[in-house]
Amino acid sequence: MRCTVIGAGVCGLSCAVRLLEAGWAVEVIAEKFSPETVSDRAAAVWYPFLVAPVDRAEVWGMASYSVFSELSASEPEAGVIMRTGREYLREPVESPGWHSAITHFRLLEPSELPDEYVHGWEFEVPVIEMPRYMAWLQLRCESLGGTLTQRRINSLDDAGGDARINCSGLGAQELADDDDLHPVRGQVLYLDQTPEVGHFDQQPETLAHVIPRSDCTVLGGTVQANDANESPSEDDTELILAKCTAMWPGLDITRITGVAVGLRPARSTVRLELEPGEQPLIHNYGHGGGGVTLSWGCADEVVALLSAAT
């Protein structure tokens, strides 16, 4: 049987790979493929962040963590590297629910906290270098026999196939007539300088991150709901540099090499469900800034839903 995946971002390609592994013939249809997708601009670090429902997101996230950890050891060309990072907070809070399930987690000493922060923790998680990872995902899909077709569709009915998986991201506003879905603008900077560890402030109102990759360090970010402007902003650049320098005083602003903007496909909750009908249609979108972190767990659930429906 033939399954059509709509969308070639990280969620769409992850679903395609899992479906191919499960024995489906798969065609991925998308208007844009890597390196032109929003996923290519993601920072990206494994870290459950601002995604609901929390209980399902934790399950999806831990499944993805296991896959990324394995890829970091077995598939160097995938661009997944285990990195040490530190999150800083302005008030004490409980450790995240996943802290005991990852390989390294410890609370920071007061002497390890930057000024204006009073609490925090150190952790080791996968950093996913998206330009390399997206290319690897596409090759993985093709090596398993998947077909990649670049074209725009105007309705889900145009996709064809015996089953359809809607991973269209913001495109679902039109394709699924979803008014709950909206863009959340994110701007990042690229830096030719490497910190000893990553630095994170994950509070929405003060969001900032310093993520070291093999090719650069990614600085962010912004969380601007219902803002679809994809042009870089000088004001945002200055704000990002100020927030990141507060966590990492050694940051050299003269070594900025680039800037990028991406629109996260956000929703009040991730939509991952089977839509009733004669032909199986599964929606898998609305991951906001958690698309990479949840990708493999959501792909596994898509396969389970499709298997139950057929």
Protein backbone atom coordinates (compact mmCIF):
# COMPACT_ATOMS: atom_id res chain seq x y z
CA MET A 1 0.00 0.00 0.00
CA ARG A 2 1.11 3.55 -0.73
CA CYS A 3 1.29 6.30 1.85
CA THR A 4 1.71 9.99 0.99
CA VAL A 5 3.44 12.28 3.46
CA ILE A 6 2.67 15.97 2.97
CA GLY A 7 5.59 18.12 4.11
CA ALA A 8 9.37 17.62 4.02
CA GLY A 9 10.40 19.22 7.28
CA VAL A 10 11.87 17.21 10.13
CA CYS A 11 8.48 15.76 11.14
CA GLY A 12 7.50 14.77 7.61
CA LEU A 13 10.80 13.08 6.79
CA SER A 14 10.93 11.28 10.15
CA CYS A 15 7.46 9.89 9.50
CA ALA A 16 8.50 8.86 5.99
CA VAL A 17 11.50 6.93 7.31
CA ARG A 18 9.47 5.12 9.96
CA LEU A 19 6.72 4.24 7.46
CA LEU A 20 9.27 2.90 4.99
CA GLU A 21 10.84 0.82 7.75
CA ALA A 22 7.35 -0.53 8.52
CA GLY A 23 6.91 -1.70 4.93
CA TRP A 24 4.86 1.09 3.36
CA ALA A 25 5.60 2.54 -0.06
CA VAL A 26 6.05 6.23 0.66
CA GLU A 27 5.95 9.41 -1.40
CA VAL A 28 6.85 12.72 0.26
CA ILE A 29 5.20 15.71 -1.40
CA ALA A 30 6.32 19.21 -0.49
CA GLU A 31 6.68 22.66 -1.98
CA LYS A 32 10.14 22.97 -0.42
CA PHE A 33 12.84 20.46 0.47
CA SER A 34 16.11 20.90 2.36
CA PRO A 35 17.90 23.28 2.51
CA GLU A 36 14.83 25.52 2.01
CA THR A 37 12.62 24.24 4.85
CA VAL A 38 11.96 25.94 8.18
CA SER A 39 13.55 22.91 9.85
CA ASP A 40 16.88 23.74 8.21
CA ARG A 41 16.98 26.97 10.26
CA ALA A 42 16.33 25.34 13.62
CA ALA A 43 19.10 25.75 16.20
CA ALA A 44 18.54 22.74 17.18
CA VAL A 45 18.98 21.07 20.55
CA TRP A 46 16.95 18.28 22.09
CA TYR A 47 14.96 19.98 24.82
CA PRO A 48 11.21 19.69 25.52
CA PHE A 49 10.06 23.31 25.37
CA LEU A 50 6.68 25.07 25.24
CA VAL A 51 4.78 22.12 23.81
CA ALA A 52 1.43 20.74 24.91
CA PRO A 53 0.01 18.35 25.91
CA VAL A 54 2.90 17.94 28.35
CA ASP A 55 2.28 14.27 29.17
CA ARG A 56 2.34 13.17 25.52
CA ALA A 57 5.20 15.52 24.67
CA GLU A 58 7.39 13.93 27.35
CA VAL A 59 6.79 10.46 25.87
CA TRP A 60 7.50 11.68 22.32
CA GLY A 61 10.55 13.58 23.53
CA MET A 62 12.14 10.67 25.34
CA ALA A 63 11.61 8.39 22.35
CA SER A 64 13.38 10.97 20.20
CA TYR A 65 16.17 11.36 22.75
CA SER A 66 16.92 7.64 22.48
CA VAL A 67 17.09 7.81 18.68
CA PHE A 68 19.30 10.90 18.64
CA SER A 69 21.63 9.43 21.25
CA GLU A 70 22.01 6.31 19.13
CA LEU A 71 22.59 8.34 15.96
CA SER A 72 25.33 10.36 17.68
CA ALA A 73 27.23 7.13 18.27
CA SER A 74 26.46 5.18 15.11
CA GLU A 75 25.81 7.68 12.28
CA PRO A 76 28.40 10.49 12.33
CA GLU A 77 27.20 11.76 8.95
CA ALA A 78 23.80 12.53 10.53
CA GLY A 79 25.25 15.54 12.34
CA VAL A 80 24.01 14.64 15.82
CA ILE A 81 26.47 15.37 18.64
CA MET A 82 26.06 14.99 22.40
CA ARG A 83 26.82 18.34 24.05
CA THR A 84 26.95 19.65 27.60
CA GLY A 85 24.69 22.61 28.32
CA ARG A 86 23.58 24.69 31.27
CA GLU A 87 20.16 26.19 31.87
CA TYR A 88 19.85 29.26 34.10
CA LEU A 89 16.77 30.43 35.98
CA ARG A 90 15.83 33.55 37.91
CA GLU A 91 14.00 31.62 40.63
CA PRO A 92 14.27 28.09 42.01
CA VAL A 93 12.03 25.50 40.34
CA GLU A 94 11.77 21.74 40.34
CA SER A 95 14.03 19.85 37.95
CA PRO A 96 12.32 18.86 34.68
CA GLY A 97 10.50 15.55 34.63
CA TRP A 98 12.97 14.03 32.17
CA HIS A 99 16.07 14.83 34.27
CA SER A 100 16.50 11.29 35.62
CA ALA A 101 16.11 9.69 32.17
CA ILE A 102 19.11 11.31 30.44
CA THR A 103 22.76 10.36 30.76
CA HIS A 104 23.98 13.43 32.67
CA PHE A 105 22.12 15.93 34.84
CA ARG A 106 23.22 17.87 37.92
CA LEU A 107 22.23 21.06 39.70
CA LEU A 108 24.63 23.98 39.36
CA GLU A 109 26.54 25.46 42.27
CA PRO A 110 25.91 29.16 43.06
CA SER A 111 29.41 29.97 41.84
CA GLU A 112 28.53 28.54 38.40
CA LEU A 113 25.59 30.87 37.84
CA PRO A 114 25.93 34.07 35.79
CA ASP A 115 24.80 37.35 37.33
CA GLU A 116 21.01 37.78 37.71
CA TYR A 117 20.41 34.01 37.82
CA VAL A 118 19.78 32.10 41.09
CA HIS A 119 19.23 28.50 39.99
CA GLY A 120 20.12 26.14 37.18
CA TRP A 121 21.30 22.76 36.04
CA GLU A 122 23.83 21.12 33.75
CA PHE A 123 22.84 18.40 31.29
CA GLU A 124 24.10 16.45 28.30
CA VAL A 125 21.71 16.22 25.35
CA PRO A 126 21.90 15.84 21.57
CA VAL A 127 22.59 18.89 19.43
CA ILE A 128 21.26 18.32 15.94
CA GLU A 129 23.12 20.20 13.22
CA MET A 130 20.16 20.71 10.94
CA PRO A 131 21.83 21.40 7.56
CA ARG A 132 23.64 18.06 7.87
CA TYR A 133 20.78 16.25 9.57
CA MET A 134 18.10 17.23 7.05
CA ALA A 135 20.33 16.11 4.18
CA TRP A 136 20.90 12.81 6.00
CA LEU A 137 17.16 12.34 6.58
CA GLN A 138 16.41 12.86 2.89
CA LEU A 139 19.09 10.39 1.86
CA ARG A 140 17.81 7.89 4.44
CA CYS A 141 14.31 8.21 3.02
CA GLU A 142 15.51 7.68 -0.56
CA SER A 143 17.79 4.79 0.40
CA LEU A 144 14.78 2.98 1.84
CA GLY A 145 12.90 3.41 -1.44
CA GLY A 146 10.96 6.58 -0.69
CA THR A 147 10.07 9.07 -3.42
CA LEU A 148 10.50 12.82 -2.98
CA THR A 149 8.20 14.96 -5.14
CA GLN A 150 8.47 18.74 -5.17
CA ARG A 151 5.11 20.31 -5.90
CA ARG A 152 2.51 22.45 -4.19
CA ILE A 153 -0.85 20.95 -3.33
CA ASN A 154 -3.96 23.02 -2.70
CA SER A 155 -5.89 20.43 -0.72
CA LEU A 156 -5.15 17.21 1.13
CA ASP A 157 -7.25 15.37 -1.47
CA ASP A 158 -4.67 16.34 -4.10
CA ALA A 159 -2.02 14.25 -2.36
CA GLY A 160 -3.28 10.84 -3.47
CA GLY A 161 -2.17 7.55 -1.95
CA ASP A 162 -3.95 4.89 0.08
CA ALA A 163 -3.18 6.83 3.25
CA ARG A 164 -2.06 10.39 3.92
CA ILE A 165 0.06 11.91 6.68
CA ASN A 166 -0.33 15.66 7.06
CA CYS A 167 2.99 17.10 8.26
CA SER A 168 2.54 20.41 6.48
CA GLY A 169 3.46 22.69 9.40
CA LEU A 170 2.07 26.19 8.87
CA GLY A 171 0.60 24.96 5.61
CA ALA A 172 -2.07 23.23 7.68
CA GLN A 173 -3.68 26.63 8.25
CA GLU A 174 -5.01 26.27 4.71
CA LEU A 175 -4.85 22.53 4.06
CA ALA A 176 -6.60 21.56 7.31
CA ASP A 177 -8.50 24.83 7.79
CA ASP A 178 -6.91 25.16 11.22
CA ASP A 179 -7.38 28.57 12.86
CA ASP A 180 -5.55 27.43 16.01
CA LEU A 181 -2.27 27.15 14.08
CA HIS A 182 -0.13 30.29 13.98
CA PRO A 183 3.45 31.38 13.31
CA VAL A 184 5.88 32.11 16.12
CA ARG A 185 8.83 34.02 14.71
CA GLY A 186 12.33 33.02 15.73
CA GLN A 187 15.56 34.81 14.84
CA VAL A 188 19.03 33.35 15.35
CA LEU A 189 22.59 34.51 14.79
CA TYR A 190 25.63 32.48 13.73
CA LEU A 191 28.94 33.00 15.52
CA ASP A 192 32.49 31.91 14.68
CA GLN A 193 33.39 31.22 18.31
CA THR A 194 32.90 28.14 20.49
CA PRO A 195 31.98 28.18 24.20
CA GLU A 196 33.05 25.42 26.57
CA VAL A 197 29.39 24.53 27.19
CA GLY A 198 26.02 25.57 25.81
CA HIS A 199 24.04 28.23 27.68
CA PHE A 200 20.25 28.39 27.94
CA ASP A 201 17.52 30.60 29.38
CA GLN A 202 14.35 28.78 28.36
CA GLN A 203 11.79 31.14 29.88
CA PRO A 204 9.54 32.44 27.06
CA GLU A 205 9.80 36.06 28.13
CA THR A 206 13.62 36.02 28.26
CA LEU A 207 14.41 33.16 25.85
CA ALA A 208 18.11 32.93 24.99
CA HIS A 209 20.45 30.16 23.91
CA VAL A 210 24.07 29.62 22.98
CA ILE A 211 24.36 26.32 21.11
CA PRO A 212 27.79 25.12 19.94
CA ARG A 213 27.88 23.15 16.69
CA SER A 214 30.83 21.80 14.72
CA ASP A 215 30.49 24.53 12.07
CA CYS A 216 29.46 27.51 14.23
CA THR A 217 27.67 28.54 17.42
CA VAL A 218 23.98 29.43 17.16
CA LEU A 219 22.72 32.35 19.25
CA GLY A 220 19.05 32.99 19.88
CA GLY A 221 16.40 33.75 20.14
CA THR A 222 12.96 35.29 19.86
CA VAL A 223 9.44 34.01 20.53
CA GLN A 224 7.15 36.36 18.61
CA ALA A 225 3.66 34.95 18.24
CA ASN A 226 1.62 35.74 15.12
CA ASP A 227 4.59 37.49 13.52
CA ALA A 228 5.20 36.18 9.99
CA ASN A 229 7.99 38.60 9.07
CA GLU A 230 10.91 36.53 7.77
CA SER A 231 13.28 39.49 7.40
CA PRO A 232 16.04 39.82 10.04
CA SER A 233 15.63 42.62 12.55
CA GLU A 234 18.54 44.73 13.84
CA ASP A 235 16.64 45.31 17.08
CA ASP A 236 16.29 41.56 17.56
CA THR A 237 19.98 41.07 16.79
CA GLU A 238 20.92 43.55 19.52
CA LEU A 239 18.51 41.92 21.97
CA ILE A 240 19.86 38.43 21.25
CA LEU A 241 23.44 39.58 21.74
CA ALA A 242 22.57 41.27 25.04
CA LYS A 243 20.79 38.19 26.38
CA CYS A 244 23.49 35.77 25.27
CA THR A 245 26.32 37.96 26.60
CA ALA A 246 24.60 38.00 30.01
CA MET A 247 24.97 34.21 30.11
CA TRP A 248 28.33 34.05 28.36
CA PRO A 249 30.39 37.20 29.05
CA GLY A 250 33.19 35.95 26.80
CA LEU A 251 31.03 36.21 23.67
CA ASP A 252 32.82 38.22 20.97
CA ILE A 253 30.18 40.13 19.02
CA THR A 254 32.66 40.96 16.24
CA ARG A 255 32.62 37.30 15.20
CA ILE A 256 28.99 37.16 14.07
CA THR A 257 28.86 35.56 10.61
CA GLY A 258 25.17 35.45 9.74
CA VAL A 259 21.52 35.70 10.72
CA ALA A 260 18.40 33.64 9.94
CA VAL A 261 14.68 33.79 10.65
CA GLY A 262 12.24 30.90 10.87
CA LEU A 263 8.53 30.65 11.61
CA ARG A 264 7.64 27.94 14.12
CA PRO A 265 4.27 26.25 13.44
CA ALA A 266 2.66 26.70 16.86
CA ARG A 267 -0.67 25.55 18.21
CA SER A 268 -2.38 25.33 21.61
CA THR A 269 -1.59 21.60 21.45
CA VAL A 270 0.22 19.41 18.95
CA ARG A 271 -2.30 17.86 16.58
CA LEU A 272 -1.44 14.20 16.22
CA GLU A 273 -4.57 12.22 15.47
CA LEU A 274 -6.38 10.06 12.95
CA GLU A 275 -9.20 11.91 11.19
CA PRO A 276 -12.28 9.73 10.66
CA GLY A 277 -12.98 8.88 7.04
CA GLU A 278 -12.87 6.18 4.41
CA GLN A 279 -9.20 6.73 3.68
CA PRO A 280 -6.72 7.05 6.59
CA LEU A 281 -5.63 10.65 7.18
CA ILE A 282 -3.32 11.36 10.10
CA HIS A 283 -2.45 14.90 11.16
CA ASN A 284 0.97 15.53 12.69
CA TYR A 285 1.66 19.25 13.04
CA GLY A 286 1.66 22.17 15.46
CA HIS A 287 4.93 21.31 17.24
CA GLY A 288 6.03 24.93 17.65
CA GLY A 289 9.69 24.99 18.67
CA GLY A 290 9.66 21.29 19.56
CA GLY A 291 9.56 19.72 16.11
CA VAL A 292 13.05 18.24 16.27
CA THR A 293 12.75 17.21 19.92
CA LEU A 294 9.48 15.35 19.34
CA SER A 295 10.05 14.15 15.77
CA TRP A 296 10.85 10.46 16.24
CA GLY A 297 8.34 9.89 19.03
CA CYS A 298 5.59 11.45 16.93
CA ALA A 299 6.67 9.41 13.90
CA ASP A 300 6.36 6.21 15.95
CA GLU A 301 2.85 7.19 17.00
CA VAL A 302 1.89 7.95 13.39
CA VAL A 303 2.93 4.43 12.38
CA ALA A 304 0.97 2.95 15.29
CA LEU A 305 -2.16 4.93 14.38
CA LEU A 306 -1.89 3.92 10.73
CA SER A 307 -1.34 0.27 11.58
CA ALA A 308 -4.45 0.29 13.78
CA ALA A 309 -6.48 1.97 11.02
CA THR A 310 -5.49 -0.50 8.31
